[in-house]
Amino acid sequence: MVTLDADFHALLALSGALFPSVIRIRIEGMKGEQVASIIQRVEAAAMSDLVSGAAVTVTERRIALRRLPLSAK
């Protein structure tokens, strides 16, 4: 799942879910080709984590990945 909405990561944390993996893009104003390029980069860098369950956040500066289930720290 790919989203611009922070609620999906919060719902994963609250529920203790192991799936689905969620990629949250925190960059506004992109066109479809740019979003597709980001998704391809994330898949190439983290496919095994995405298959196992992960919450990924993409900003202009970095890609952050946390394995599921998320815990409140």
Protein backbone atom coordinates (compact mmCIF):
# COMPACT_ATOMS: atom_id res chain seq x y z
CA MET A 1 0.00 0.00 0.00
CA VAL A 2 1.26 3.49 -0.83
CA THR A 3 -0.16 6.57 0.89
CA LEU A 4 0.39 10.23 1.71
CA ASP A 5 -1.60 9.77 4.94
CA ALA A 6 0.11 9.29 8.32
CA ASP A 7 -2.90 7.48 9.73
CA PHE A 8 -1.92 4.15 8.18
CA HIS A 9 1.33 3.96 10.15
CA ALA A 10 -0.56 4.91 13.32
CA LEU A 11 -3.19 2.24 12.71
CA LEU A 12 -0.50 -0.38 12.18
CA ALA A 13 1.15 0.60 15.47
CA LEU A 14 -2.11 0.59 17.44
CA SER A 15 -3.26 -2.74 16.07
CA GLY A 16 0.09 -4.55 16.29
CA ALA A 17 -0.46 -5.70 12.70
CA LEU A 18 2.16 -7.70 10.81
CA PHE A 19 0.68 -6.77 7.41
CA PRO A 20 0.17 -4.99 5.06
CA SER A 21 3.38 -3.17 4.33
CA VAL A 22 2.81 0.56 3.88
CA ILE A 23 4.94 3.09 2.03
CA ARG A 24 4.18 6.64 3.18
CA ILE A 25 5.43 9.39 0.90
CA ARG A 26 5.98 12.69 2.69
CA ILE A 27 6.77 14.75 -0.39
CA GLU A 28 4.08 16.99 -1.79
CA GLY A 29 3.42 18.20 -5.31
CA MET A 30 4.87 15.26 -7.25
CA LYS A 31 3.59 14.02 -10.57
CA GLY A 32 2.73 10.38 -11.23
CA GLU A 33 6.10 9.58 -12.83
CA GLN A 34 7.94 10.91 -9.79
CA VAL A 35 5.81 8.85 -7.41
CA ALA A 36 6.35 5.74 -9.55
CA SER A 37 10.11 6.34 -9.47
CA ILE A 38 10.10 6.59 -5.67
CA ILE A 39 8.07 3.40 -5.34
CA GLN A 40 10.53 1.58 -7.61
CA ARG A 41 13.48 2.83 -5.53
CA VAL A 42 11.84 1.65 -2.30
CA GLU A 43 11.02 -1.74 -3.80
CA ALA A 44 14.59 -2.18 -5.05
CA ALA A 45 16.08 -1.22 -1.69
CA ALA A 46 13.68 -3.02 0.64
CA MET A 47 11.76 -5.79 -1.14
CA SER A 48 12.52 -8.48 1.46
CA ASP A 49 11.35 -6.17 4.26
CA LEU A 50 8.19 -5.24 2.34
CA VAL A 51 7.35 -8.91 1.80
CA SER A 52 7.85 -9.62 5.52
CA GLY A 53 5.88 -6.55 6.67
CA ALA A 54 7.25 -3.03 7.01
CA ALA A 55 6.31 0.59 7.44
CA VAL A 56 8.35 2.82 5.14
CA THR A 57 8.48 6.61 5.23
CA VAL A 58 9.98 8.52 2.31
CA THR A 59 11.07 12.14 2.60
CA GLU A 60 13.16 14.29 0.29
CA ARG A 61 16.26 13.36 2.29
CA ARG A 62 15.82 9.71 3.21
CA ILE A 63 13.93 6.46 3.23
CA ALA A 64 13.19 5.17 6.75
CA LEU A 65 12.03 1.60 7.30
CA ARG A 66 10.62 -0.11 10.38
CA ARG A 67 9.67 -3.78 10.46
CA LEU A 68 6.17 -4.73 11.60
CA PRO A 69 4.77 -5.00 14.16
CA LEU A 70 5.42 -1.40 15.20
CA SER A 71 5.70 -0.66 18.87
CA ALA A 72 5.27 2.60 20.73
CA LYS A 73 8.74 3.69 21.86
